[in-house]
Amino acid sequence: MTRGVLATLVFLLSLYLIAAVILSRVQERMLFPAPTIPAEDLTEMARIAEADELSVRSGEEILYGWHSPAGGTHAVLYFHGNASYTAANILTMRAVNAAGWDFICVSPRGYPGSTGGPSPGFLRTDSLAAWRHTTEALGFAPEQIVLHGRSLGGGMAGELLAEVEPGGVILESTFRSMAQLVQEKVPYFPMGLILKYPLRTEDRDVSAPVLILHGDTDEVVPVAHARALAEHFTHAEYVEVPGKGHNDGLLQDPVASRALRAWLDSLR
């Protein structure tokens, strides 16, 4: 090998390592792009939606959430996606309430209304804080609670499954693991070594029923992830919605909305 070729290889390797370091340091901004919504706007949206605002302590942070009652005997604890916030999920709230279930949505730290910012382990810490608030402050028994995670929220629900046993789980438009998804998006870097947030939902299992909803044209989280989750979970019902992408309002489709209602009804 000539000295020139060796120098070129060293240069390319240096560029590769620099890029890997940059990916490692900016991943919070890439994975958790939270919108900015003033607190007074959140309060006004809660008033219009007739939802009760929640303040949930998680360590040193205060998490913002909504509670929309619908009878008070069963509840869906909902975790939203990575560019979302409480009020952006009103249609899901309405669908859950129409089925006779309370709707509880708590935003993790760094998202509108919640203090702090992302750091390793925060999704499990914050999801556990939301669970404790639901069981202790709101008084729901674990078997009365369904976890519902959409997109990133599915990974958040997966983190919580390492700690609790709910009455059911809904995984909507989510990944088998964040590590697998990111590796598919950035195939030339060892993302398994770089990623601080692997979120391996595929490593969890529960004895409770699981409903998996996914659009077959999802361009963000390929439908293969949902099919793998459906194979993994012991008691999974899988509903694939034709013609729906990641941000096409899956639960506005009658196929998904009917499946959600029937599945929730089966747990009452």
C-alpha atoms as a PDB file:
ATOM      1  CA  MET A   1       0.000   0.000   0.000  1.00  0.00           C
ATOM      2  CA  THR A   2       1.437   3.344  -1.035  1.00  0.00           C
ATOM      3  CA  ARG A   3       1.814   6.237   1.356  1.00  0.00           C
ATOM      4  CA  GLY A   4      -0.790   8.229  -0.627  1.00  0.00           C
ATOM      5  CA  VAL A   5      -3.382   5.457  -0.426  1.00  0.00           C
ATOM      6  CA  LEU A   6      -2.752   5.058   3.306  1.00  0.00           C
ATOM      7  CA  ALA A   7      -3.146   8.800   3.847  1.00  0.00           C
ATOM      8  CA  THR A   8      -6.439   8.741   1.942  1.00  0.00           C
ATOM      9  CA  LEU A   9      -7.744   5.842   4.041  1.00  0.00           C
ATOM     10  CA  VAL A  10      -6.741   7.603   7.273  1.00  0.00           C
ATOM     11  CA  PHE A  11      -8.477  10.769   6.069  1.00  0.00           C
ATOM     12  CA  LEU A  12     -11.693   8.907   5.197  1.00  0.00           C
ATOM     13  CA  LEU A  13     -11.635   7.063   8.512  1.00  0.00           C
ATOM     14  CA  SER A  14     -11.217  10.372  10.323  1.00  0.00           C
ATOM     15  CA  LEU A  15     -14.217  11.813   8.501  1.00  0.00           C
ATOM     16  CA  TYR A  16     -16.241   8.724   9.388  1.00  0.00           C
ATOM     17  CA  LEU A  17     -15.337   9.001  13.073  1.00  0.00           C
ATOM     18  CA  ILE A  18     -16.106  12.728  13.121  1.00  0.00           C
ATOM     19  CA  ALA A  19     -19.513  12.067  11.569  1.00  0.00           C
ATOM     20  CA  ALA A  20     -20.186   9.354  14.158  1.00  0.00           C
ATOM     21  CA  VAL A  21     -19.313  11.741  16.991  1.00  0.00           C
ATOM     22  CA  ILE A  22     -21.613  14.409  15.537  1.00  0.00           C
ATOM     23  CA  LEU A  23     -24.467  11.891  15.255  1.00  0.00           C
ATOM     24  CA  SER A  24     -23.908  10.911  18.870  1.00  0.00           C
ATOM     25  CA  ARG A  25     -24.006  14.501  20.116  1.00  0.00           C
ATOM     26  CA  VAL A  26     -27.007  15.783  18.127  1.00  0.00           C
ATOM     27  CA  GLN A  27     -29.286  12.761  18.428  1.00  0.00           C
ATOM     28  CA  GLU A  28     -31.557  14.425  21.014  1.00  0.00           C
ATOM     29  CA  ARG A  29     -32.375  17.179  18.530  1.00  0.00           C
ATOM     30  CA  MET A  30     -32.928  14.623  15.775  1.00  0.00           C
ATOM     31  CA  LEU A  31     -35.064  12.178  17.763  1.00  0.00           C
ATOM     32  CA  PHE A  32     -37.064  14.585  19.943  1.00  0.00           C
ATOM     33  CA  PRO A  33     -37.991  17.663  17.853  1.00  0.00           C
ATOM     34  CA  ALA A  34     -40.553  19.133  20.258  1.00  0.00           C
ATOM     35  CA  PRO A  35     -42.738  22.024  19.063  1.00  0.00           C
ATOM     36  CA  THR A  36     -42.984  25.256  21.063  1.00  0.00           C
ATOM     37  CA  ILE A  37     -46.464  25.992  22.461  1.00  0.00           C
ATOM     38  CA  PRO A  38     -47.016  28.736  25.076  1.00  0.00           C
ATOM     39  CA  ALA A  39     -48.492  27.534  28.383  1.00  0.00           C
ATOM     40  CA  GLU A  40     -51.488  29.854  28.063  1.00  0.00           C
ATOM     41  CA  ASP A  41     -52.307  28.337  24.662  1.00  0.00           C
ATOM     42  CA  LEU A  42     -52.235  24.837  26.145  1.00  0.00           C
ATOM     43  CA  THR A  43     -54.602  25.954  28.890  1.00  0.00           C
ATOM     44  CA  GLU A  44     -56.987  27.505  26.386  1.00  0.00           C
ATOM     45  CA  MET A  45     -56.935  24.377  24.221  1.00  0.00           C
ATOM     46  CA  ALA A  46     -57.664  22.246  27.290  1.00  0.00           C
ATOM     47  CA  ARG A  47     -60.620  24.491  28.135  1.00  0.00           C
ATOM     48  CA  ILE A  48     -62.034  24.183  24.613  1.00  0.00           C
ATOM     49  CA  ALA A  49     -61.524  20.410  24.649  1.00  0.00           C
ATOM     50  CA  GLU A  50     -63.073  20.192  28.135  1.00  0.00           C
ATOM     51  CA  ALA A  51     -60.022  18.331  29.436  1.00  0.00           C
ATOM     52  CA  ASP A  52     -58.540  18.682  32.916  1.00  0.00           C
ATOM     53  CA  GLU A  53     -54.917  19.819  32.994  1.00  0.00           C
ATOM     54  CA  LEU A  54     -52.454  17.623  34.900  1.00  0.00           C
ATOM     55  CA  SER A  55     -49.152  18.399  36.609  1.00  0.00           C
ATOM     56  CA  VAL A  56     -47.131  15.226  37.114  1.00  0.00           C
ATOM     57  CA  ARG A  57     -43.854  15.204  39.043  1.00  0.00           C
ATOM     58  CA  SER A  58     -41.027  13.161  37.500  1.00  0.00           C
ATOM     59  CA  GLY A  59     -37.855  13.551  39.535  1.00  0.00           C
ATOM     60  CA  GLU A  60     -37.013  17.235  39.468  1.00  0.00           C
ATOM     61  CA  GLU A  61     -39.262  17.920  36.458  1.00  0.00           C
ATOM     62  CA  ILE A  62     -42.964  18.684  36.148  1.00  0.00           C
ATOM     63  CA  LEU A  63     -44.764  17.001  33.249  1.00  0.00           C
ATOM     64  CA  TYR A  64     -47.832  18.493  31.610  1.00  0.00           C
ATOM     65  CA  GLY A  65     -50.846  16.394  30.737  1.00  0.00           C
ATOM     66  CA  TRP A  66     -54.563  16.165  30.062  1.00  0.00           C
ATOM     67  CA  HIS A  67     -57.276  14.013  31.574  1.00  0.00           C
ATOM     68  CA  SER A  68     -60.561  13.727  29.707  1.00  0.00           C
ATOM     69  CA  PRO A  69     -63.013  11.697  31.840  1.00  0.00           C
ATOM     70  CA  ALA A  70     -65.629   9.387  30.347  1.00  0.00           C
ATOM     71  CA  GLY A  71     -67.000   7.371  33.238  1.00  0.00           C
ATOM     72  CA  GLY A  72     -63.984   6.863  35.451  1.00  0.00           C
ATOM     73  CA  THR A  73     -63.822   3.036  35.458  1.00  0.00           C
ATOM     74  CA  HIS A  74     -61.190   2.413  32.749  1.00  0.00           C
ATOM     75  CA  ALA A  75     -58.486   4.634  31.252  1.00  0.00           C
ATOM     76  CA  VAL A  76     -56.204   4.838  28.246  1.00  0.00           C
ATOM     77  CA  LEU A  77     -52.787   6.243  29.176  1.00  0.00           C
ATOM     78  CA  TYR A  78     -51.589   7.758  25.908  1.00  0.00           C
ATOM     79  CA  PHE A  79     -48.019   8.613  24.852  1.00  0.00           C
ATOM     80  CA  HIS A  80     -47.766  10.849  21.783  1.00  0.00           C
ATOM     81  CA  GLY A  81     -45.203  11.031  18.994  1.00  0.00           C
ATOM     82  CA  ASN A  82     -41.929  12.926  18.832  1.00  0.00           C
ATOM     83  CA  ALA A  83     -43.141  16.141  17.194  1.00  0.00           C
ATOM     84  CA  SER A  84     -46.487  16.218  18.958  1.00  0.00           C
ATOM     85  CA  TYR A  85     -48.100  17.495  22.162  1.00  0.00           C
ATOM     86  CA  THR A  86     -51.284  16.986  24.186  1.00  0.00           C
ATOM     87  CA  ALA A  87     -53.721  19.084  22.152  1.00  0.00           C
ATOM     88  CA  ALA A  88     -52.562  17.583  18.850  1.00  0.00           C
ATOM     89  CA  ASN A  89     -54.235  14.324  19.869  1.00  0.00           C
ATOM     90  CA  ILE A  90     -57.810  15.513  20.392  1.00  0.00           C
ATOM     91  CA  LEU A  91     -59.186  13.145  17.731  1.00  0.00           C
ATOM     92  CA  THR A  92     -57.656  10.188  19.550  1.00  0.00           C
ATOM     93  CA  MET A  93     -59.048  11.538  22.811  1.00  0.00           C
ATOM     94  CA  ARG A  94     -62.531  11.749  21.272  1.00  0.00           C
ATOM     95  CA  ALA A  95     -62.306   8.190  19.935  1.00  0.00           C
ATOM     96  CA  VAL A  96     -61.244   6.853  23.330  1.00  0.00           C
ATOM     97  CA  ASN A  97     -63.934   8.827  25.172  1.00  0.00           C
ATOM     98  CA  ALA A  98     -66.588   7.639  22.704  1.00  0.00           C
ATOM     99  CA  ALA A  99     -65.706   4.076  23.690  1.00  0.00           C
ATOM    100  CA  GLY A 100     -66.392   4.995  27.331  1.00  0.00           C
ATOM    101  CA  TRP A 101     -62.756   5.183  28.446  1.00  0.00           C
ATOM    102  CA  ASP A 102     -61.017   8.055  30.216  1.00  0.00           C
ATOM    103  CA  PHE A 103     -58.161   9.547  28.197  1.00  0.00           C
ATOM    104  CA  ILE A 104     -54.934  10.537  29.933  1.00  0.00           C
ATOM    105  CA  CYS A 105     -52.022  12.036  27.992  1.00  0.00           C
ATOM    106  CA  VAL A 106     -48.777  13.118  29.670  1.00  0.00           C
ATOM    107  CA  SER A 107     -45.972  14.756  27.677  1.00  0.00           C
ATOM    108  CA  PRO A 108     -42.380  13.776  28.529  1.00  0.00           C
ATOM    109  CA  ARG A 109     -39.888  16.389  29.630  1.00  0.00           C
ATOM    110  CA  GLY A 110     -38.913  18.957  27.040  1.00  0.00           C
ATOM    111  CA  TYR A 111     -42.304  18.839  25.290  1.00  0.00           C
ATOM    112  CA  PRO A 112     -44.894  21.651  25.447  1.00  0.00           C
ATOM    113  CA  GLY A 113     -45.940  22.334  29.029  1.00  0.00           C
ATOM    114  CA  SER A 114     -43.323  19.993  30.546  1.00  0.00           C
ATOM    115  CA  THR A 115     -40.060  21.203  32.064  1.00  0.00           C
ATOM    116  CA  GLY A 116     -36.544  19.896  31.404  1.00  0.00           C
ATOM    117  CA  GLY A 117     -35.180  18.192  28.335  1.00  0.00           C
ATOM    118  CA  PRO A 118     -34.194  14.758  26.963  1.00  0.00           C
ATOM    119  CA  SER A 119     -31.460  12.732  28.633  1.00  0.00           C
ATOM    120  CA  PRO A 120     -30.723   8.986  28.680  1.00  0.00           C
ATOM    121  CA  GLY A 121     -33.418   7.093  30.573  1.00  0.00           C
ATOM    122  CA  PHE A 122     -35.914   9.955  30.619  1.00  0.00           C
ATOM    123  CA  LEU A 123     -38.629   8.152  28.660  1.00  0.00           C
ATOM    124  CA  ARG A 124     -38.817   5.322  31.180  1.00  0.00           C
ATOM    125  CA  THR A 125     -38.669   7.737  34.119  1.00  0.00           C
ATOM    126  CA  ASP A 126     -41.402   9.962  32.694  1.00  0.00           C
ATOM    127  CA  SER A 127     -43.658   7.120  31.574  1.00  0.00           C
ATOM    128  CA  LEU A 128     -43.408   5.602  35.054  1.00  0.00           C
ATOM    129  CA  ALA A 129     -44.320   8.979  36.584  1.00  0.00           C
ATOM    130  CA  ALA A 130     -47.397   9.140  34.328  1.00  0.00           C
ATOM    131  CA  TRP A 131     -48.343   5.587  35.355  1.00  0.00           C
ATOM    132  CA  ARG A 132     -48.009   6.395  39.060  1.00  0.00           C
ATOM    133  CA  HIS A 133     -50.155   9.482  38.641  1.00  0.00           C
ATOM    134  CA  THR A 134     -52.801   7.420  36.857  1.00  0.00           C
ATOM    135  CA  THR A 135     -52.839   4.704  39.515  1.00  0.00           C
ATOM    136  CA  GLU A 136     -52.255   6.795  42.642  1.00  0.00           C
ATOM    137  CA  ALA A 137     -53.656  10.281  42.046  1.00  0.00           C
ATOM    138  CA  LEU A 138     -56.449   9.252  39.651  1.00  0.00           C
ATOM    139  CA  GLY A 139     -57.121   5.907  41.303  1.00  0.00           C
ATOM    140  CA  PHE A 140     -57.133   3.474  38.375  1.00  0.00           C
ATOM    141  CA  ALA A 141     -56.059  -0.107  39.061  1.00  0.00           C
ATOM    142  CA  PRO A 142     -53.373  -1.517  36.714  1.00  0.00           C
ATOM    143  CA  GLU A 143     -55.855  -3.920  35.085  1.00  0.00           C
ATOM    144  CA  GLN A 144     -58.119  -0.942  34.292  1.00  0.00           C
ATOM    145  CA  ILE A 145     -55.400   0.832  32.294  1.00  0.00           C
ATOM    146  CA  VAL A 146     -54.486   0.409  28.638  1.00  0.00           C
ATOM    147  CA  LEU A 147     -51.176   1.864  27.450  1.00  0.00           C
ATOM    148  CA  HIS A 148     -51.447   3.485  24.023  1.00  0.00           C
ATOM    149  CA  GLY A 149     -48.248   4.587  22.312  1.00  0.00           C
ATOM    150  CA  ARG A 150     -48.078   6.218  18.898  1.00  0.00           C
ATOM    151  CA  SER A 151     -44.770   6.380  16.974  1.00  0.00           C
ATOM    152  CA  LEU A 152     -42.138   7.457  19.555  1.00  0.00           C
ATOM    153  CA  GLY A 153     -44.846   6.981  22.170  1.00  0.00           C
ATOM    154  CA  GLY A 154     -44.827   3.274  21.348  1.00  0.00           C
ATOM    155  CA  GLY A 155     -41.211   3.170  22.479  1.00  0.00           C
ATOM    156  CA  MET A 156     -42.224   5.035  25.620  1.00  0.00           C
ATOM    157  CA  ALA A 157     -44.951   2.462  26.280  1.00  0.00           C
ATOM    158  CA  GLY A 158     -42.377  -0.273  25.679  1.00  0.00           C
ATOM    159  CA  GLU A 159     -40.092   1.244  28.305  1.00  0.00           C
ATOM    160  CA  LEU A 160     -42.970   1.262  30.788  1.00  0.00           C
ATOM    161  CA  LEU A 161     -43.733  -2.404  30.077  1.00  0.00           C
ATOM    162  CA  ALA A 162     -40.404  -3.233  31.721  1.00  0.00           C
ATOM    163  CA  GLU A 163     -41.883  -1.922  34.969  1.00  0.00           C
ATOM    164  CA  VAL A 164     -45.654  -2.537  34.999  1.00  0.00           C
ATOM    165  CA  GLU A 165     -48.382  -4.945  33.897  1.00  0.00           C
ATOM    166  CA  PRO A 166     -51.325  -3.019  32.367  1.00  0.00           C
ATOM    167  CA  GLY A 167     -54.704  -4.360  31.300  1.00  0.00           C
ATOM    168  CA  GLY A 168     -53.799  -3.955  27.633  1.00  0.00           C
ATOM    169  CA  VAL A 169     -51.463  -2.263  25.164  1.00  0.00           C
ATOM    170  CA  ILE A 170     -52.078  -0.378  21.904  1.00  0.00           C
ATOM    171  CA  LEU A 171     -49.093   0.212  19.615  1.00  0.00           C
ATOM    172  CA  GLU A 172     -49.901   2.624  16.792  1.00  0.00           C
ATOM    173  CA  SER A 173     -47.521   3.403  13.903  1.00  0.00           C
ATOM    174  CA  THR A 174     -44.512   2.467  16.007  1.00  0.00           C
ATOM    175  CA  PHE A 175     -41.219   0.617  15.650  1.00  0.00           C
ATOM    176  CA  ARG A 176     -39.946  -2.746  16.845  1.00  0.00           C
ATOM    177  CA  SER A 177     -36.985  -0.807  18.258  1.00  0.00           C
ATOM    178  CA  MET A 178     -35.574   2.664  17.760  1.00  0.00           C
ATOM    179  CA  ALA A 179     -32.140   1.081  17.281  1.00  0.00           C
ATOM    180  CA  GLN A 180     -33.394  -1.003  14.341  1.00  0.00           C
ATOM    181  CA  LEU A 181     -35.262   1.911  12.766  1.00  0.00           C
ATOM    182  CA  VAL A 182     -32.315   4.312  12.991  1.00  0.00           C
ATOM    183  CA  GLN A 183     -29.937   1.671  11.653  1.00  0.00           C
ATOM    184  CA  GLU A 184     -32.211   1.301   8.620  1.00  0.00           C
ATOM    185  CA  LYS A 185     -32.189   5.086   8.091  1.00  0.00           C
ATOM    186  CA  VAL A 186     -28.424   5.455   8.612  1.00  0.00           C
ATOM    187  CA  PRO A 187     -27.014   2.092   7.453  1.00  0.00           C
ATOM    188  CA  TYR A 188     -23.348   3.097   7.237  1.00  0.00           C
ATOM    189  CA  PHE A 189     -22.837   3.904  10.923  1.00  0.00           C
ATOM    190  CA  PRO A 190     -22.839   1.546  13.945  1.00  0.00           C
ATOM    191  CA  MET A 191     -25.981   3.079  15.416  1.00  0.00           C
ATOM    192  CA  GLY A 192     -26.271   0.285  17.962  1.00  0.00           C
ATOM    193  CA  LEU A 193     -23.106   1.661  19.561  1.00  0.00           C
ATOM    194  CA  ILE A 194     -23.918   5.346  19.075  1.00  0.00           C
ATOM    195  CA  LEU A 195     -27.606   5.483  19.976  1.00  0.00           C
ATOM    196  CA  LYS A 196     -28.461   6.446  23.561  1.00  0.00           C
ATOM    197  CA  TYR A 197     -32.135   5.565  23.127  1.00  0.00           C
ATOM    198  CA  PRO A 198     -32.465   2.018  21.692  1.00  0.00           C
ATOM    199  CA  LEU A 199     -36.115   1.657  22.891  1.00  0.00           C
ATOM    200  CA  ARG A 200     -36.351  -2.080  22.230  1.00  0.00           C
ATOM    201  CA  THR A 201     -40.096  -2.672  22.416  1.00  0.00           C
ATOM    202  CA  GLU A 202     -39.503  -6.023  20.722  1.00  0.00           C
ATOM    203  CA  ASP A 203     -37.759  -7.194  23.911  1.00  0.00           C
ATOM    204  CA  ARG A 204     -40.935  -6.742  26.005  1.00  0.00           C
ATOM    205  CA  ASP A 205     -43.887  -9.030  26.440  1.00  0.00           C
ATOM    206  CA  VAL A 206     -47.080  -8.950  28.470  1.00  0.00           C
ATOM    207  CA  SER A 207     -49.806 -11.426  29.302  1.00  0.00           C
ATOM    208  CA  ALA A 208     -52.398  -8.735  28.511  1.00  0.00           C
ATOM    209  CA  PRO A 209     -53.972  -8.260  25.049  1.00  0.00           C
ATOM    210  CA  VAL A 210     -52.078  -6.115  22.534  1.00  0.00           C
ATOM    211  CA  LEU A 211     -53.579  -4.196  19.597  1.00  0.00           C
ATOM    212  CA  ILE A 212     -51.194  -3.167  16.823  1.00  0.00           C
ATOM    213  CA  LEU A 213     -52.361  -0.556  14.295  1.00  0.00           C
ATOM    214  CA  HIS A 214     -50.237   0.467  11.301  1.00  0.00           C
ATOM    215  CA  GLY A 215     -50.668   1.983   7.854  1.00  0.00           C
ATOM    216  CA  ASP A 216     -49.316  -0.107   4.995  1.00  0.00           C
ATOM    217  CA  THR A 217     -47.732   2.926   3.290  1.00  0.00           C
ATOM    218  CA  ASP A 218     -46.008   4.325   6.395  1.00  0.00           C
ATOM    219  CA  GLU A 219     -42.924   6.103   5.080  1.00  0.00           C
ATOM    220  CA  VAL A 220     -41.405   6.885   8.509  1.00  0.00           C
ATOM    221  CA  VAL A 221     -41.784   3.542  10.289  1.00  0.00           C
ATOM    222  CA  PRO A 222     -42.023   0.788   7.646  1.00  0.00           C
ATOM    223  CA  VAL A 223     -44.911  -1.613   8.104  1.00  0.00           C
ATOM    224  CA  ALA A 224     -42.414  -4.467   8.547  1.00  0.00           C
ATOM    225  CA  HIS A 225     -41.845  -3.168  12.088  1.00  0.00           C
ATOM    226  CA  ALA A 226     -45.523  -3.601  12.964  1.00  0.00           C
ATOM    227  CA  ARG A 227     -45.624  -7.064  11.437  1.00  0.00           C
ATOM    228  CA  ALA A 228     -42.596  -8.064  13.517  1.00  0.00           C
ATOM    229  CA  LEU A 229     -44.262  -6.763  16.694  1.00  0.00           C
ATOM    230  CA  ALA A 230     -47.431  -8.682  15.848  1.00  0.00           C
ATOM    231  CA  GLU A 231     -45.355 -11.852  15.597  1.00  0.00           C
ATOM    232  CA  HIS A 232     -43.544 -11.090  18.839  1.00  0.00           C
ATOM    233  CA  PHE A 233     -46.369 -10.378  21.279  1.00  0.00           C
ATOM    234  CA  THR A 234     -48.165 -13.425  22.618  1.00  0.00           C
ATOM    235  CA  HIS A 235     -51.706 -12.022  22.553  1.00  0.00           C
ATOM    236  CA  ALA A 236     -51.549  -9.582  19.649  1.00  0.00           C
ATOM    237  CA  GLU A 237     -54.319  -8.468  17.314  1.00  0.00           C
ATOM    238  CA  TYR A 238     -52.878  -6.866  14.181  1.00  0.00           C
ATOM    239  CA  VAL A 239     -54.742  -4.364  12.018  1.00  0.00           C
ATOM    240  CA  GLU A 240     -53.014  -3.073   8.883  1.00  0.00           C
ATOM    241  CA  VAL A 241     -54.767  -0.067   7.381  1.00  0.00           C
ATOM    242  CA  PRO A 242     -54.507   0.197   3.564  1.00  0.00           C
ATOM    243  CA  GLY A 243     -53.323   3.429   1.992  1.00  0.00           C
ATOM    244  CA  LYS A 244     -52.331   5.159   5.231  1.00  0.00           C
ATOM    245  CA  GLY A 245     -48.944   6.802   5.832  1.00  0.00           C
ATOM    246  CA  HIS A 246     -47.357   7.837   9.099  1.00  0.00           C
ATOM    247  CA  ASN A 247     -49.062  11.211   9.453  1.00  0.00           C
ATOM    248  CA  ASP A 248     -52.360  10.477   7.699  1.00  0.00           C
ATOM    249  CA  GLY A 249     -54.509  10.319  10.830  1.00  0.00           C
ATOM    250  CA  LEU A 250     -54.706   6.560  11.218  1.00  0.00           C
ATOM    251  CA  LEU A 251     -57.611   6.585  13.683  1.00  0.00           C
ATOM    252  CA  GLN A 252     -59.688   8.720  11.305  1.00  0.00           C
ATOM    253  CA  ASP A 253     -59.824   5.717   8.999  1.00  0.00           C
ATOM    254  CA  PRO A 254     -62.932   3.571   9.641  1.00  0.00           C
ATOM    255  CA  VAL A 255     -60.873   0.367   9.561  1.00  0.00           C
ATOM    256  CA  ALA A 256     -58.676   1.561  12.429  1.00  0.00           C
ATOM    257  CA  SER A 257     -61.404   3.356  14.382  1.00  0.00           C
ATOM    258  CA  ARG A 258     -63.731   0.339  14.313  1.00  0.00           C
ATOM    259  CA  ALA A 259     -60.891  -1.955  15.356  1.00  0.00           C
ATOM    260  CA  LEU A 260     -59.993   0.332  18.259  1.00  0.00           C
ATOM    261  CA  ARG A 261     -63.583   0.561  19.479  1.00  0.00           C
ATOM    262  CA  ALA A 262     -64.186  -3.199  19.235  1.00  0.00           C
ATOM    263  CA  TRP A 263     -60.909  -4.002  20.973  1.00  0.00           C
ATOM    264  CA  LEU A 264     -61.556  -1.576  23.851  1.00  0.00           C
ATOM    265  CA  ASP A 265     -65.110  -2.922  24.185  1.00  0.00           C
ATOM    266  CA  SER A 266     -63.709  -6.444  24.520  1.00  0.00           C
ATOM    267  CA  LEU A 267     -61.730  -5.401  27.613  1.00  0.00           C
ATOM    268  CA  ARG A 268     -64.709  -4.011  29.565  1.00  0.00           C
END
